[in-house]
Amino acid sequence: MKTRPGPSTRTRITELSGSAVRQRRDDLATEEPLEIRLTAPDGARKTVAITMRTPGHDFELAAGFLNGEGLAGPGDIASIAYCTDEDLPPEARYNTVTVRLRGPLPDLPALDRHFLTSSACGVCGSASLDALRDRCAAVPAGRLRLTPSQLYGLPGALRAAQGVFGKTGGLHAAGLFTAAGTLTAAREDVGRHNAVDKLVGWASLGGRLPLAEHVLVVSGRASYEIMQKALAAGVPVVCAVSAPSSLAVELAREFGLTLVGFLREERCNVYAGAERIAV
């Protein structure tokens, strides 16, 4: 039987350095599929996503994905467990989670587009801005304000929390911070969107949504998928170490989010919501 996968995998490599050659061990970021299934009290069930992820915090990943897509919020989930269905081979058991809902399955006609996700691109065929308007309201202005010096300290604090990245050099990270710059929670994954889902799932399962007083920091670029997930979780400020996409900026401006990109050392670009930055 296949053992439960961990966040890193040990392998052997040939290392070249100048004219020197040596054999050594190396740590890789683990990448495994995760299937997310929904079941209802009447016995109905549906696979809603298959994502390539780094094992760990799988239940949070499932809860965060469902919240971001508007399929199940904190009060809709009765339990989450690894699947033990008879049709599942034992070696896939830790790569399938079943989310048991308190009520019937949500209206799922759009799922025929197949919520197949990957560690690179996020949700394929994800909802457009038009569909997002139907289920998400703009983020209230709120009281959250950040100074430039508080912004500048966020990437370093997130990097310090990336334990698996320190071993493998191959993972993205997402972190939730207070306005004072205190790290509340951080998650790592081969996929940027998965790391965000794990954070949102942590908040959802812990009864912490909406995250109106928090800042989301991601280690890579800010895509539409990440902004969608932040909006669904009520996060007012998203900061990215790299660039945002055009649709991410459009979403932020329309729904009242603050979007900061190229946050490195002591510089950044504010693409939307500059009123939350105290300058």
C-alpha atoms as a PDB file:
ATOM      1  CA  MET A   1       0.000   0.000   0.000  1.00  0.00           C
ATOM      2  CA  LYS A   2       1.269   3.433  -0.859  1.00  0.00           C
ATOM      3  CA  THR A   3       2.169   5.456   2.207  1.00  0.00           C
ATOM      4  CA  ARG A   4       0.683   8.851   2.883  1.00  0.00           C
ATOM      5  CA  PRO A   5       2.649  11.429   0.851  1.00  0.00           C
ATOM      6  CA  GLY A   6       4.453  14.240   2.633  1.00  0.00           C
ATOM      7  CA  PRO A   7       5.238  17.795   1.496  1.00  0.00           C
ATOM      8  CA  SER A   8       8.748  16.880   0.324  1.00  0.00           C
ATOM      9  CA  THR A   9      10.220  13.847  -1.421  1.00  0.00           C
ATOM     10  CA  ARG A  10      13.823  12.630  -1.158  1.00  0.00           C
ATOM     11  CA  THR A  11      15.670  11.709  -4.364  1.00  0.00           C
ATOM     12  CA  ARG A  12      19.220  11.254  -5.640  1.00  0.00           C
ATOM     13  CA  ILE A  13      20.774  13.597  -8.202  1.00  0.00           C
ATOM     14  CA  THR A  14      24.006  14.205 -10.074  1.00  0.00           C
ATOM     15  CA  GLU A  15      25.367  17.645  -9.227  1.00  0.00           C
ATOM     16  CA  LEU A  16      27.713  19.471 -11.608  1.00  0.00           C
ATOM     17  CA  SER A  17      29.836  22.342 -10.337  1.00  0.00           C
ATOM     18  CA  GLY A  18      32.518  23.537 -12.730  1.00  0.00           C
ATOM     19  CA  SER A  19      34.449  20.399 -13.608  1.00  0.00           C
ATOM     20  CA  ALA A  20      33.419  18.612 -10.409  1.00  0.00           C
ATOM     21  CA  VAL A  21      30.749  15.903 -10.434  1.00  0.00           C
ATOM     22  CA  ARG A  22      29.172  14.322  -7.385  1.00  0.00           C
ATOM     23  CA  GLN A  23      26.186  12.207  -6.418  1.00  0.00           C
ATOM     24  CA  ARG A  24      24.030  13.476  -3.583  1.00  0.00           C
ATOM     25  CA  ARG A  25      20.542  13.440  -2.126  1.00  0.00           C
ATOM     26  CA  ASP A  26      18.092  16.247  -2.769  1.00  0.00           C
ATOM     27  CA  ASP A  27      14.620  17.232  -1.550  1.00  0.00           C
ATOM     28  CA  LEU A  28      11.835  17.882  -4.037  1.00  0.00           C
ATOM     29  CA  ALA A  29       8.499  19.570  -3.458  1.00  0.00           C
ATOM     30  CA  THR A  30       5.932  16.766  -3.615  1.00  0.00           C
ATOM     31  CA  GLU A  31       3.256  17.090  -6.289  1.00  0.00           C
ATOM     32  CA  GLU A  32       0.283  14.724  -6.093  1.00  0.00           C
ATOM     33  CA  PRO A  33      -3.315  14.894  -7.349  1.00  0.00           C
ATOM     34  CA  LEU A  34      -6.158  15.682  -4.979  1.00  0.00           C
ATOM     35  CA  GLU A  35      -9.749  14.880  -5.903  1.00  0.00           C
ATOM     36  CA  ILE A  36     -12.452  16.821  -4.058  1.00  0.00           C
ATOM     37  CA  ARG A  37     -15.845  15.108  -3.797  1.00  0.00           C
ATOM     38  CA  LEU A  38     -19.117  16.502  -2.469  1.00  0.00           C
ATOM     39  CA  THR A  39     -21.767  14.309  -0.853  1.00  0.00           C
ATOM     40  CA  ALA A  40     -25.239  15.247   0.359  1.00  0.00           C
ATOM     41  CA  PRO A  41     -27.467  13.703   3.050  1.00  0.00           C
ATOM     42  CA  ASP A  42     -29.634  12.112   0.329  1.00  0.00           C
ATOM     43  CA  GLY A  43     -26.637  10.160  -0.968  1.00  0.00           C
ATOM     44  CA  ALA A  44     -25.983  12.313  -4.030  1.00  0.00           C
ATOM     45  CA  ARG A  45     -22.329  12.917  -4.766  1.00  0.00           C
ATOM     46  CA  LYS A  46     -20.189  14.741  -7.284  1.00  0.00           C
ATOM     47  CA  THR A  47     -16.486  15.225  -7.989  1.00  0.00           C
ATOM     48  CA  VAL A  48     -15.988  18.977  -8.242  1.00  0.00           C
ATOM     49  CA  ALA A  49     -12.218  19.341  -8.621  1.00  0.00           C
ATOM     50  CA  ILE A  50      -9.005  17.504  -9.316  1.00  0.00           C
ATOM     51  CA  THR A  51      -5.962  19.594  -8.498  1.00  0.00           C
ATOM     52  CA  MET A  52      -2.242  18.948  -8.455  1.00  0.00           C
ATOM     53  CA  ARG A  53      -1.078  20.002  -5.009  1.00  0.00           C
ATOM     54  CA  THR A  54       1.557  19.576  -2.340  1.00  0.00           C
ATOM     55  CA  PRO A  55       0.148  17.164   0.286  1.00  0.00           C
ATOM     56  CA  GLY A  56      -0.666  18.737   3.627  1.00  0.00           C
ATOM     57  CA  HIS A  57      -3.631  20.773   4.884  1.00  0.00           C
ATOM     58  CA  ASP A  58      -5.788  18.920   2.356  1.00  0.00           C
ATOM     59  CA  PHE A  59      -9.045  19.524   4.222  1.00  0.00           C
ATOM     60  CA  GLU A  60      -8.303  23.257   4.309  1.00  0.00           C
ATOM     61  CA  LEU A  61      -7.574  23.157   0.582  1.00  0.00           C
ATOM     62  CA  ALA A  62     -10.960  21.576  -0.094  1.00  0.00           C
ATOM     63  CA  ALA A  63     -12.844  24.026   2.125  1.00  0.00           C
ATOM     64  CA  GLY A  64     -11.032  27.007   0.638  1.00  0.00           C
ATOM     65  CA  PHE A  65     -11.687  25.890  -2.927  1.00  0.00           C
ATOM     66  CA  LEU A  66     -15.402  25.420  -2.243  1.00  0.00           C
ATOM     67  CA  ASN A  67     -15.646  28.842  -0.590  1.00  0.00           C
ATOM     68  CA  GLY A  68     -13.837  30.565  -3.428  1.00  0.00           C
ATOM     69  CA  GLU A  69     -16.103  29.027  -6.063  1.00  0.00           C
ATOM     70  CA  GLY A  70     -19.288  29.777  -4.122  1.00  0.00           C
ATOM     71  CA  LEU A  71     -20.135  26.092  -3.753  1.00  0.00           C
ATOM     72  CA  ALA A  72     -20.031  25.759   0.050  1.00  0.00           C
ATOM     73  CA  GLY A  73     -19.405  28.264   2.812  1.00  0.00           C
ATOM     74  CA  PRO A  74     -18.434  27.678   6.459  1.00  0.00           C
ATOM     75  CA  GLY A  75     -21.966  26.764   7.552  1.00  0.00           C
ATOM     76  CA  ASP A  76     -22.561  24.339   4.689  1.00  0.00           C
ATOM     77  CA  ILE A  77     -19.901  21.755   5.575  1.00  0.00           C
ATOM     78  CA  ALA A  78     -20.743  18.944   8.009  1.00  0.00           C
ATOM     79  CA  SER A  79     -17.395  17.128   7.803  1.00  0.00           C
ATOM     80  CA  ILE A  80     -14.344  16.549   5.639  1.00  0.00           C
ATOM     81  CA  ALA A  81     -12.474  13.245   5.533  1.00  0.00           C
ATOM     82  CA  TYR A  82     -10.210  11.207   3.312  1.00  0.00           C
ATOM     83  CA  CYS A  83     -12.298   8.999   1.074  1.00  0.00           C
ATOM     84  CA  THR A  84     -12.798   5.326   1.947  1.00  0.00           C
ATOM     85  CA  ASP A  85     -15.230   4.477  -0.873  1.00  0.00           C
ATOM     86  CA  GLU A  86     -14.947   0.907  -2.125  1.00  0.00           C
ATOM     87  CA  ASP A  87     -14.370   2.113  -5.687  1.00  0.00           C
ATOM     88  CA  LEU A  88     -11.170   3.866  -4.655  1.00  0.00           C
ATOM     89  CA  PRO A  89      -7.853   1.961  -4.772  1.00  0.00           C
ATOM     90  CA  PRO A  90      -5.953   2.048  -1.449  1.00  0.00           C
ATOM     91  CA  GLU A  91      -2.999   3.924  -2.970  1.00  0.00           C
ATOM     92  CA  ALA A  92      -5.310   6.853  -3.850  1.00  0.00           C
ATOM     93  CA  ARG A  93      -6.944   7.103  -0.440  1.00  0.00           C
ATOM     94  CA  TYR A  94      -4.909  10.071   0.768  1.00  0.00           C
ATOM     95  CA  ASN A  95      -5.396  11.812  -2.572  1.00  0.00           C
ATOM     96  CA  THR A  96      -9.187  11.990  -2.351  1.00  0.00           C
ATOM     97  CA  VAL A  97     -11.247  13.955   0.166  1.00  0.00           C
ATOM     98  CA  THR A  98     -14.987  13.786   0.686  1.00  0.00           C
ATOM     99  CA  VAL A  99     -16.789  16.913   1.849  1.00  0.00           C
ATOM    100  CA  ARG A 100     -20.109  16.047   3.451  1.00  0.00           C
ATOM    101  CA  LEU A 101     -22.624  18.867   3.165  1.00  0.00           C
ATOM    102  CA  ARG A 102     -25.392  19.648   5.612  1.00  0.00           C
ATOM    103  CA  GLY A 103     -27.847  20.146   2.759  1.00  0.00           C
ATOM    104  CA  PRO A 104     -28.309  19.106  -0.871  1.00  0.00           C
ATOM    105  CA  LEU A 105     -25.655  19.471  -3.516  1.00  0.00           C
ATOM    106  CA  PRO A 106     -25.467  23.026  -4.857  1.00  0.00           C
ATOM    107  CA  ASP A 107     -26.686  23.781  -8.354  1.00  0.00           C
ATOM    108  CA  LEU A 108     -23.826  22.381 -10.394  1.00  0.00           C
ATOM    109  CA  PRO A 109     -24.599  22.830 -14.113  1.00  0.00           C
ATOM    110  CA  ALA A 110     -21.380  24.798 -14.560  1.00  0.00           C
ATOM    111  CA  LEU A 111     -19.366  21.868 -13.264  1.00  0.00           C
ATOM    112  CA  ASP A 112     -19.803  20.164 -16.628  1.00  0.00           C
ATOM    113  CA  ARG A 113     -17.031  22.555 -17.722  1.00  0.00           C
ATOM    114  CA  HIS A 114     -14.889  20.389 -15.383  1.00  0.00           C
ATOM    115  CA  PHE A 115     -13.161  22.014 -12.448  1.00  0.00           C
ATOM    116  CA  LEU A 116      -9.825  20.495 -13.421  1.00  0.00           C
ATOM    117  CA  THR A 117      -7.075  22.525 -11.801  1.00  0.00           C
ATOM    118  CA  SER A 118      -3.316  22.374 -11.933  1.00  0.00           C
ATOM    119  CA  SER A 119      -0.446  23.670  -9.849  1.00  0.00           C
ATOM    120  CA  ALA A 120       0.344  26.256 -12.518  1.00  0.00           C
ATOM    121  CA  CYS A 121      -2.749  27.873 -13.936  1.00  0.00           C
ATOM    122  CA  GLY A 122      -5.508  27.802 -11.334  1.00  0.00           C
ATOM    123  CA  VAL A 123      -9.068  26.837 -12.183  1.00  0.00           C
ATOM    124  CA  CYS A 124      -9.533  26.196 -15.890  1.00  0.00           C
ATOM    125  CA  GLY A 125     -12.709  27.870 -17.160  1.00  0.00           C
ATOM    126  CA  SER A 126     -13.067  29.809 -13.943  1.00  0.00           C
ATOM    127  CA  ALA A 127     -16.018  32.190 -13.571  1.00  0.00           C
ATOM    128  CA  SER A 128     -15.833  35.455 -15.438  1.00  0.00           C
ATOM    129  CA  LEU A 129     -16.280  38.855 -13.868  1.00  0.00           C
ATOM    130  CA  ASP A 130     -19.909  38.787 -14.981  1.00  0.00           C
ATOM    131  CA  ALA A 131     -20.585  35.619 -13.007  1.00  0.00           C
ATOM    132  CA  LEU A 132     -18.617  36.943 -10.043  1.00  0.00           C
ATOM    133  CA  ARG A 133     -20.909  39.969  -9.834  1.00  0.00           C
ATOM    134  CA  ASP A 134     -23.856  37.654  -9.246  1.00  0.00           C
ATOM    135  CA  ARG A 135     -22.478  36.201  -6.021  1.00  0.00           C
ATOM    136  CA  CYS A 136     -19.942  38.655  -4.563  1.00  0.00           C
ATOM    137  CA  ALA A 137     -20.384  42.178  -3.271  1.00  0.00           C
ATOM    138  CA  ALA A 138     -17.699  44.824  -3.152  1.00  0.00           C
ATOM    139  CA  VAL A 139     -15.420  44.748  -0.107  1.00  0.00           C
ATOM    140  CA  PRO A 140     -16.415  47.494   2.387  1.00  0.00           C
ATOM    141  CA  ALA A 141     -13.914  50.301   2.928  1.00  0.00           C
ATOM    142  CA  GLY A 142     -13.356  49.262   6.561  1.00  0.00           C
ATOM    143  CA  ARG A 143     -10.715  50.572   8.935  1.00  0.00           C
ATOM    144  CA  LEU A 144      -7.685  48.722   7.607  1.00  0.00           C
ATOM    145  CA  ARG A 145      -4.771  51.028   6.753  1.00  0.00           C
ATOM    146  CA  LEU A 146      -1.135  50.171   6.042  1.00  0.00           C
ATOM    147  CA  THR A 147       1.970  52.312   6.037  1.00  0.00           C
ATOM    148  CA  PRO A 148       4.669  51.762   3.403  1.00  0.00           C
ATOM    149  CA  SER A 149       7.056  50.473   6.080  1.00  0.00           C
ATOM    150  CA  GLN A 150       4.493  47.862   7.138  1.00  0.00           C
ATOM    151  CA  LEU A 151       4.105  46.762   3.516  1.00  0.00           C
ATOM    152  CA  TYR A 152       7.856  46.468   2.993  1.00  0.00           C
ATOM    153  CA  GLY A 153       8.219  44.023   5.884  1.00  0.00           C
ATOM    154  CA  LEU A 154       5.607  41.528   4.676  1.00  0.00           C
ATOM    155  CA  PRO A 155       7.575  39.521   2.054  1.00  0.00           C
ATOM    156  CA  GLY A 156      10.457  38.861   4.455  1.00  0.00           C
ATOM    157  CA  ALA A 157       8.078  37.696   7.171  1.00  0.00           C
ATOM    158  CA  LEU A 158       6.380  35.340   4.731  1.00  0.00           C
ATOM    159  CA  ARG A 159       9.694  33.984   3.487  1.00  0.00           C
ATOM    160  CA  ALA A 160      10.743  33.222   7.070  1.00  0.00           C
ATOM    161  CA  ALA A 161       7.636  31.041   7.447  1.00  0.00           C
ATOM    162  CA  GLN A 162       8.361  28.933   4.347  1.00  0.00           C
ATOM    163  CA  GLY A 163       9.854  25.846   5.965  1.00  0.00           C
ATOM    164  CA  VAL A 164       9.364  23.436   3.061  1.00  0.00           C
ATOM    165  CA  PHE A 165      10.617  26.000   0.545  1.00  0.00           C
ATOM    166  CA  GLY A 166      13.807  26.174   2.563  1.00  0.00           C
ATOM    167  CA  LYS A 167      14.331  22.446   1.897  1.00  0.00           C
ATOM    168  CA  THR A 168      13.176  22.268  -1.705  1.00  0.00           C
ATOM    169  CA  GLY A 169      13.246  25.754  -3.239  1.00  0.00           C
ATOM    170  CA  GLY A 170      10.147  24.732  -5.192  1.00  0.00           C
ATOM    171  CA  LEU A 171       7.030  26.009  -3.445  1.00  0.00           C
ATOM    172  CA  HIS A 172       4.816  29.076  -3.510  1.00  0.00           C
ATOM    173  CA  ALA A 173       3.480  30.546  -0.303  1.00  0.00           C
ATOM    174  CA  ALA A 174       0.547  32.616   0.894  1.00  0.00           C
ATOM    175  CA  GLY A 175       0.293  34.352   4.240  1.00  0.00           C
ATOM    176  CA  LEU A 176      -2.352  36.217   6.205  1.00  0.00           C
ATOM    177  CA  PHE A 177      -1.150  39.242   8.145  1.00  0.00           C
ATOM    178  CA  THR A 178      -2.736  41.770  10.469  1.00  0.00           C
ATOM    179  CA  ALA A 179      -2.465  45.465   9.674  1.00  0.00           C
ATOM    180  CA  ALA A 180       0.401  45.635  12.162  1.00  0.00           C
ATOM    181  CA  GLY A 181       2.373  43.124  10.104  1.00  0.00           C
ATOM    182  CA  THR A 182       1.887  40.130  12.406  1.00  0.00           C
ATOM    183  CA  LEU A 183       1.694  36.798  10.593  1.00  0.00           C
ATOM    184  CA  THR A 184      -1.564  35.009  11.421  1.00  0.00           C
ATOM    185  CA  ALA A 185      -1.152  31.925   9.229  1.00  0.00           C
ATOM    186  CA  ALA A 186       0.916  30.756   6.252  1.00  0.00           C
ATOM    187  CA  ARG A 187       0.600  27.870   3.829  1.00  0.00           C
ATOM    188  CA  GLU A 188       2.854  26.458   1.082  1.00  0.00           C
ATOM    189  CA  ASP A 189       2.057  24.594  -2.124  1.00  0.00           C
ATOM    190  CA  VAL A 190       3.341  23.985  -5.641  1.00  0.00           C
ATOM    191  CA  GLY A 191       0.370  26.081  -6.787  1.00  0.00           C
ATOM    192  CA  ARG A 192      -0.192  29.713  -5.828  1.00  0.00           C
ATOM    193  CA  HIS A 193      -3.944  29.259  -5.854  1.00  0.00           C
ATOM    194  CA  ASN A 194      -3.691  26.112  -3.703  1.00  0.00           C
ATOM    195  CA  ALA A 195      -1.703  27.980  -1.052  1.00  0.00           C
ATOM    196  CA  VAL A 196      -4.441  30.627  -0.954  1.00  0.00           C
ATOM    197  CA  ASP A 197      -7.171  27.969  -0.785  1.00  0.00           C
ATOM    198  CA  LYS A 198      -5.418  26.374   2.185  1.00  0.00           C
ATOM    199  CA  LEU A 199      -5.364  29.714   3.995  1.00  0.00           C
ATOM    200  CA  VAL A 200      -9.007  30.465   3.238  1.00  0.00           C
ATOM    201  CA  GLY A 201      -9.958  26.927   4.238  1.00  0.00           C
ATOM    202  CA  TRP A 202      -8.111  27.368   7.538  1.00  0.00           C
ATOM    203  CA  ALA A 203     -10.138  30.516   8.166  1.00  0.00           C
ATOM    204  CA  SER A 204     -13.402  28.944   7.007  1.00  0.00           C
ATOM    205  CA  LEU A 205     -13.114  25.808   9.141  1.00  0.00           C
ATOM    206  CA  GLY A 206     -12.097  27.941  12.137  1.00  0.00           C
ATOM    207  CA  GLY A 207     -15.040  30.334  11.839  1.00  0.00           C
ATOM    208  CA  ARG A 208     -12.796  33.292  10.972  1.00  0.00           C
ATOM    209  CA  LEU A 209     -14.468  34.478   7.745  1.00  0.00           C
ATOM    210  CA  PRO A 210     -14.732  37.165   6.513  1.00  0.00           C
ATOM    211  CA  LEU A 211     -11.098  38.237   6.811  1.00  0.00           C
ATOM    212  CA  ALA A 212     -11.901  41.942   6.809  1.00  0.00           C
ATOM    213  CA  GLU A 213      -8.940  42.944   8.982  1.00  0.00           C
ATOM    214  CA  HIS A 214      -6.277  40.943   7.182  1.00  0.00           C
ATOM    215  CA  VAL A 215      -3.766  41.305   4.370  1.00  0.00           C
ATOM    216  CA  LEU A 216      -3.085  38.441   1.954  1.00  0.00           C
ATOM    217  CA  VAL A 217       0.504  38.158   0.724  1.00  0.00           C
ATOM    218  CA  VAL A 218       1.468  35.778  -2.093  1.00  0.00           C
ATOM    219  CA  SER A 219       4.985  34.828  -3.108  1.00  0.00           C
ATOM    220  CA  GLY A 220       4.412  34.996  -6.865  1.00  0.00           C
ATOM    221  CA  ARG A 221       2.158  36.946  -9.171  1.00  0.00           C
ATOM    222  CA  ALA A 222      -1.407  38.082  -8.513  1.00  0.00           C
ATOM    223  CA  SER A 223      -3.764  36.306 -10.909  1.00  0.00           C
ATOM    224  CA  TYR A 224      -7.504  36.588 -11.392  1.00  0.00           C
ATOM    225  CA  GLU A 225      -8.000  33.316  -9.483  1.00  0.00           C
ATOM    226  CA  ILE A 226      -6.164  34.623  -6.434  1.00  0.00           C
ATOM    227  CA  MET A 227      -8.131  37.865  -6.429  1.00  0.00           C
ATOM    228  CA  GLN A 228     -11.380  35.915  -6.780  1.00  0.00           C
ATOM    229  CA  LYS A 229     -10.519  33.813  -3.750  1.00  0.00           C
ATOM    230  CA  ALA A 230      -9.535  36.892  -1.733  1.00  0.00           C
ATOM    231  CA  LEU A 231     -12.809  38.612  -2.614  1.00  0.00           C
ATOM    232  CA  ALA A 232     -14.882  35.575  -1.613  1.00  0.00           C
ATOM    233  CA  ALA A 233     -13.039  35.492   1.730  1.00  0.00           C
ATOM    234  CA  GLY A 234     -13.549  39.221   2.355  1.00  0.00           C
ATOM    235  CA  VAL A 235      -9.824  40.064   2.269  1.00  0.00           C
ATOM    236  CA  PRO A 236      -9.455  43.805   1.519  1.00  0.00           C
ATOM    237  CA  VAL A 237      -5.726  43.919   0.656  1.00  0.00           C
ATOM    238  CA  VAL A 238      -3.707  41.578  -1.576  1.00  0.00           C
ATOM    239  CA  CYS A 239       0.059  41.973  -1.961  1.00  0.00           C
ATOM    240  CA  ALA A 240       2.171  40.099  -4.497  1.00  0.00           C
ATOM    241  CA  VAL A 241       5.922  39.856  -4.805  1.00  0.00           C
ATOM    242  CA  SER A 242       5.564  39.770  -8.595  1.00  0.00           C
ATOM    243  CA  ALA A 243       3.229  41.304 -11.168  1.00  0.00           C
ATOM    244  CA  PRO A 244      -0.568  41.257 -11.323  1.00  0.00           C
ATOM    245  CA  SER A 245      -2.507  40.299 -14.433  1.00  0.00           C
ATOM    246  CA  SER A 246      -4.801  42.747 -16.213  1.00  0.00           C
ATOM    247  CA  LEU A 247      -7.926  40.892 -15.077  1.00  0.00           C
ATOM    248  CA  ALA A 248      -6.670  40.840 -11.480  1.00  0.00           C
ATOM    249  CA  VAL A 249      -6.375  44.638 -11.576  1.00  0.00           C
ATOM    250  CA  GLU A 250      -9.824  44.981 -13.150  1.00  0.00           C
ATOM    251  CA  LEU A 251     -11.363  42.775 -10.456  1.00  0.00           C
ATOM    252  CA  ALA A 252      -9.634  44.708  -7.659  1.00  0.00           C
ATOM    253  CA  ARG A 253     -10.812  48.072  -8.975  1.00  0.00           C
ATOM    254  CA  GLU A 254     -14.394  46.964  -9.510  1.00  0.00           C
ATOM    255  CA  PHE A 255     -14.833  45.232  -6.142  1.00  0.00           C
ATOM    256  CA  GLY A 256     -12.941  47.691  -3.948  1.00  0.00           C
ATOM    257  CA  LEU A 257      -9.838  45.628  -3.141  1.00  0.00           C
ATOM    258  CA  THR A 258      -6.377  47.052  -2.650  1.00  0.00           C
ATOM    259  CA  LEU A 259      -3.857  45.355  -4.943  1.00  0.00           C
ATOM    260  CA  VAL A 260      -0.111  45.810  -4.455  1.00  0.00           C
ATOM    261  CA  GLY A 261       2.401  44.273  -6.851  1.00  0.00           C
ATOM    262  CA  PHE A 262       6.181  44.044  -7.173  1.00  0.00           C
ATOM    263  CA  LEU A 263       6.471  44.271  -3.386  1.00  0.00           C
ATOM    264  CA  ARG A 264      10.214  43.836  -2.991  1.00  0.00           C
ATOM    265  CA  GLU A 265      12.730  45.380  -0.622  1.00  0.00           C
ATOM    266  CA  GLU A 266      11.466  48.959  -0.169  1.00  0.00           C
ATOM    267  CA  ARG A 267       9.356  49.524  -3.261  1.00  0.00           C
ATOM    268  CA  CYS A 268       6.017  48.446  -4.701  1.00  0.00           C
ATOM    269  CA  ASN A 269       3.293  49.423  -7.168  1.00  0.00           C
ATOM    270  CA  VAL A 270      -0.270  50.047  -5.995  1.00  0.00           C
ATOM    271  CA  TYR A 271      -2.674  49.061  -8.777  1.00  0.00           C
ATOM    272  CA  ALA A 272      -5.979  49.565  -6.956  1.00  0.00           C
ATOM    273  CA  GLY A 273      -7.307  50.776  -3.625  1.00  0.00           C
ATOM    274  CA  ALA A 274      -4.501  53.212  -2.788  1.00  0.00           C
ATOM    275  CA  GLU A 275      -6.757  54.786  -0.137  1.00  0.00           C
ATOM    276  CA  ARG A 276      -5.813  51.951   2.236  1.00  0.00           C
ATOM    277  CA  ILE A 277      -2.131  52.898   2.042  1.00  0.00           C
ATOM    278  CA  ALA A 278      -1.288  55.689   4.481  1.00  0.00           C
ATOM    279  CA  VAL A 279       1.134  57.885   2.561  1.00  0.00           C
END
